[in-house]
Amino acid sequence: MATKLTLTLDKETIKIAKEYAKRNNISLSGIVELYFKVLSSNARDYRISPITRELSGIASLSTTKSDKELLEEALNKRFL
């Protein structure tokens, strides 16, 4: 059973949401309903494909080097 809900949003946000809804052929109510369904479900399983889920955790990243050091090494390998 559908129940009415009143939301207060910024005018620009409403404008953007209406444009998005029109482009995607969905109502604003439909967008909000889908958003809350995704929030209340296990969103991690909802968005990750089975192959990605299976492969996750295979690669390990070095945590001993800083991002700057890793970038420097990659650039040196590429350009030197």
N, C-alpha and C. Protein backbone atom coordinates (compact mmCIF):
# COMPACT_ATOMS: atom_id res chain seq x y z
N MET A 1 0.84 -1.18 0.00
CA MET A 1 0.00 0.00 0.00
C MET A 1 0.89 1.24 0.00
N ALA A 2 0.64 2.14 -0.91
CA ALA A 2 1.41 3.37 -1.02
C ALA A 2 0.94 4.37 0.03
N THR A 3 1.90 5.07 0.63
CA THR A 3 1.62 6.09 1.63
C THR A 3 2.35 7.35 1.22
N LYS A 4 1.73 8.48 1.44
CA LYS A 4 2.32 9.76 1.04
C LYS A 4 3.43 10.17 2.02
N LEU A 5 4.50 10.74 1.48
CA LEU A 5 5.63 11.22 2.26
C LEU A 5 6.00 12.60 1.73
N THR A 6 6.18 13.55 2.61
CA THR A 6 6.59 14.89 2.21
C THR A 6 8.06 15.09 2.54
N LEU A 7 8.84 15.52 1.54
CA LEU A 7 10.26 15.77 1.73
C LEU A 7 10.54 17.24 1.48
N THR A 8 11.50 17.79 2.21
CA THR A 8 11.93 19.16 1.99
C THR A 8 13.36 19.12 1.47
N LEU A 9 13.54 19.64 0.25
CA LEU A 9 14.85 19.61 -0.40
C LEU A 9 15.15 20.97 -1.00
N ASP A 10 16.43 21.19 -1.26
CA ASP A 10 16.89 22.39 -1.94
C ASP A 10 16.29 22.45 -3.36
N LYS A 11 15.94 23.65 -3.84
CA LYS A 11 15.32 23.78 -5.17
C LYS A 11 16.20 23.19 -6.26
N GLU A 12 17.50 23.43 -6.19
CA GLU A 12 18.41 22.92 -7.22
C GLU A 12 18.45 21.40 -7.20
N THR A 13 18.40 20.82 -6.02
CA THR A 13 18.39 19.36 -5.89
C THR A 13 17.13 18.78 -6.53
N ILE A 14 16.01 19.43 -6.30
CA ILE A 14 14.74 18.98 -6.89
C ILE A 14 14.81 19.06 -8.41
N LYS A 15 15.36 20.16 -8.92
CA LYS A 15 15.48 20.35 -10.36
C LYS A 15 16.33 19.23 -10.98
N ILE A 16 17.46 18.96 -10.36
CA ILE A 16 18.36 17.91 -10.85
C ILE A 16 17.68 16.55 -10.79
N ALA A 17 16.97 16.29 -9.70
CA ALA A 17 16.28 15.00 -9.52
C ALA A 17 15.19 14.82 -10.58
N LYS A 18 14.45 15.89 -10.86
CA LYS A 18 13.39 15.81 -11.88
C LYS A 18 13.99 15.54 -13.26
N GLU A 19 15.10 16.19 -13.57
CA GLU A 19 15.76 15.96 -14.86
C GLU A 19 16.25 14.52 -14.97
N TYR A 20 16.84 14.03 -13.89
CA TYR A 20 17.31 12.65 -13.86
C TYR A 20 16.15 11.68 -14.06
N ALA A 21 15.06 11.93 -13.34
CA ALA A 21 13.89 11.06 -13.43
C ALA A 21 13.34 11.04 -14.85
N LYS A 22 13.28 12.19 -15.47
CA LYS A 22 12.75 12.27 -16.84
C LYS A 22 13.65 11.51 -17.81
N ARG A 23 14.97 11.70 -17.68
CA ARG A 23 15.92 11.00 -18.56
C ARG A 23 15.83 9.49 -18.41
N ASN A 24 15.54 9.04 -17.20
CA ASN A 24 15.52 7.60 -16.91
C ASN A 24 14.13 7.00 -16.85
N ASN A 25 13.14 7.80 -17.23
CA ASN A 25 11.75 7.33 -17.30
C ASN A 25 11.28 6.68 -15.99
N ILE A 26 11.51 7.40 -14.90
CA ILE A 26 11.09 6.94 -13.58
C ILE A 26 10.57 8.13 -12.79
N SER A 27 9.64 7.91 -11.90
CA SER A 27 9.11 9.00 -11.09
C SER A 27 10.05 9.33 -9.94
N LEU A 28 9.92 10.53 -9.39
CA LEU A 28 10.71 10.88 -8.22
C LEU A 28 10.39 9.95 -7.06
N SER A 29 9.13 9.60 -6.91
CA SER A 29 8.74 8.66 -5.86
C SER A 29 9.43 7.33 -6.06
N GLY A 30 9.53 6.89 -7.32
CA GLY A 30 10.20 5.63 -7.62
C GLY A 30 11.67 5.68 -7.26
N ILE A 31 12.32 6.83 -7.51
CA ILE A 31 13.73 6.97 -7.18
C ILE A 31 13.92 6.89 -5.67
N VAL A 32 13.10 7.62 -4.93
CA VAL A 32 13.21 7.63 -3.46
C VAL A 32 12.93 6.24 -2.90
N GLU A 33 11.92 5.57 -3.42
CA GLU A 33 11.58 4.23 -2.94
C GLU A 33 12.74 3.27 -3.20
N LEU A 34 13.31 3.31 -4.40
CA LEU A 34 14.43 2.44 -4.73
C LEU A 34 15.62 2.74 -3.83
N TYR A 35 15.88 4.02 -3.58
CA TYR A 35 16.99 4.42 -2.72
C TYR A 35 16.85 3.81 -1.33
N PHE A 36 15.66 3.92 -0.74
CA PHE A 36 15.45 3.36 0.59
C PHE A 36 15.49 1.84 0.60
N LYS A 37 15.05 1.21 -0.47
CA LYS A 37 15.14 -0.25 -0.55
C LYS A 37 16.60 -0.69 -0.58
N VAL A 38 17.42 0.03 -1.35
CA VAL A 38 18.84 -0.31 -1.43
C VAL A 38 19.51 -0.09 -0.08
N LEU A 39 19.17 1.01 0.59
CA LEU A 39 19.75 1.29 1.91
C LEU A 39 19.41 0.20 2.91
N SER A 40 18.19 -0.28 2.86
CA SER A 40 17.75 -1.24 3.86
C SER A 40 18.13 -2.68 3.52
N SER A 41 18.56 -2.93 2.27
CA SER A 41 18.98 -4.28 1.90
C SER A 41 20.48 -4.39 2.08
N ASN A 42 21.01 -5.54 1.78
CA ASN A 42 22.45 -5.73 1.83
C ASN A 42 23.02 -5.12 0.55
N ALA A 43 23.31 -3.83 0.58
CA ALA A 43 23.73 -3.09 -0.61
C ALA A 43 25.02 -3.65 -1.19
N ARG A 44 25.89 -4.18 -0.37
CA ARG A 44 27.16 -4.73 -0.86
C ARG A 44 26.90 -5.87 -1.84
N ASP A 45 26.02 -6.79 -1.50
CA ASP A 45 25.70 -7.89 -2.40
C ASP A 45 24.90 -7.41 -3.61
N TYR A 46 24.14 -6.35 -3.44
CA TYR A 46 23.30 -5.82 -4.51
C TYR A 46 24.14 -5.24 -5.64
N ARG A 47 25.26 -4.62 -5.33
CA ARG A 47 26.03 -3.90 -6.32
C ARG A 47 27.22 -4.69 -6.87
N ILE A 48 27.70 -5.67 -6.18
CA ILE A 48 28.91 -6.37 -6.60
C ILE A 48 28.53 -7.63 -7.38
N SER A 49 29.10 -7.74 -8.57
CA SER A 49 28.79 -8.91 -9.39
C SER A 49 29.44 -10.16 -8.79
N PRO A 50 28.94 -11.34 -9.11
CA PRO A 50 29.49 -12.58 -8.55
C PRO A 50 30.98 -12.75 -8.87
N ILE A 51 31.40 -12.37 -10.07
CA ILE A 51 32.81 -12.52 -10.43
C ILE A 51 33.67 -11.60 -9.58
N THR A 52 33.25 -10.36 -9.42
CA THR A 52 33.99 -9.41 -8.60
C THR A 52 34.05 -9.90 -7.16
N ARG A 53 32.94 -10.37 -6.64
CA ARG A 53 32.89 -10.87 -5.26
C ARG A 53 33.86 -12.05 -5.09
N GLU A 54 33.91 -12.93 -6.10
CA GLU A 54 34.78 -14.10 -6.04
C GLU A 54 36.26 -13.70 -6.07
N LEU A 55 36.58 -12.68 -6.86
CA LEU A 55 37.97 -12.26 -7.01
C LEU A 55 38.45 -11.31 -5.92
N SER A 56 37.52 -10.76 -5.16
CA SER A 56 37.94 -9.80 -4.14
C SER A 56 38.79 -10.49 -3.08
N GLY A 57 39.85 -9.80 -2.68
CA GLY A 57 40.74 -10.34 -1.67
C GLY A 57 41.91 -11.12 -2.22
N ILE A 58 41.94 -11.36 -3.53
CA ILE A 58 43.04 -12.12 -4.12
C ILE A 58 44.33 -11.28 -4.11
N ALA A 59 44.22 -10.03 -4.51
CA ALA A 59 45.40 -9.15 -4.56
C ALA A 59 45.61 -8.50 -3.20
N SER A 60 46.86 -8.36 -2.84
CA SER A 60 47.15 -7.65 -1.60
C SER A 60 48.03 -6.46 -1.92
N LEU A 61 47.78 -5.37 -1.27
CA LEU A 61 48.53 -4.15 -1.49
C LEU A 61 49.55 -3.98 -0.38
N SER A 62 50.70 -3.49 -0.75
CA SER A 62 51.74 -3.23 0.24
C SER A 62 51.32 -2.05 1.10
N THR A 63 51.32 -2.24 2.39
CA THR A 63 50.96 -1.15 3.29
C THR A 63 52.18 -0.53 3.94
N THR A 64 53.35 -1.00 3.54
CA THR A 64 54.57 -0.47 4.16
C THR A 64 55.06 0.78 3.46
N LYS A 65 54.61 1.04 2.24
CA LYS A 65 55.05 2.21 1.49
C LYS A 65 53.92 3.23 1.41
N SER A 66 54.29 4.49 1.39
CA SER A 66 53.30 5.55 1.28
C SER A 66 52.84 5.67 -0.18
N ASP A 67 51.73 6.35 -0.39
CA ASP A 67 51.23 6.58 -1.74
C ASP A 67 52.27 7.31 -2.58
N LYS A 68 52.96 8.25 -1.96
CA LYS A 68 53.99 9.02 -2.67
C LYS A 68 55.11 8.10 -3.15
N GLU A 69 55.54 7.19 -2.29
CA GLU A 69 56.60 6.26 -2.66
C GLU A 69 56.16 5.32 -3.78
N LEU A 70 54.95 4.82 -3.69
CA LEU A 70 54.43 3.94 -4.73
C LEU A 70 54.33 4.66 -6.07
N LEU A 71 53.86 5.90 -6.06
CA LEU A 71 53.75 6.69 -7.28
C LEU A 71 55.13 6.95 -7.87
N GLU A 72 56.09 7.30 -7.02
CA GLU A 72 57.45 7.56 -7.48
C GLU A 72 58.05 6.33 -8.15
N GLU A 73 57.86 5.15 -7.55
CA GLU A 73 58.36 3.92 -8.14
C GLU A 73 57.72 3.63 -9.49
N ALA A 74 56.42 3.82 -9.58
CA ALA A 74 55.70 3.56 -10.84
C ALA A 74 56.19 4.51 -11.94
N LEU A 75 56.38 5.77 -11.58
CA LEU A 75 56.85 6.74 -12.58
C LEU A 75 58.27 6.44 -13.01
N ASN A 76 59.12 6.03 -12.07
CA ASN A 76 60.49 5.67 -12.42
C ASN A 76 60.53 4.47 -13.35
N LYS A 77 59.72 3.47 -13.10
CA LYS A 77 59.67 2.29 -13.96
C LYS A 77 59.20 2.67 -15.36
N ARG A 78 58.27 3.58 -15.44
CA ARG A 78 57.70 3.93 -16.73
C ARG A 78 58.62 4.84 -17.55
N PHE A 79 59.24 5.81 -16.90
CA PHE A 79 59.97 6.83 -17.65
C PHE A 79 61.48 6.74 -17.56
N LEU A 80 62.03 5.88 -16.75
CA LEU A 80 63.49 5.77 -16.65
C LEU A 80 64.00 4.48 -17.21
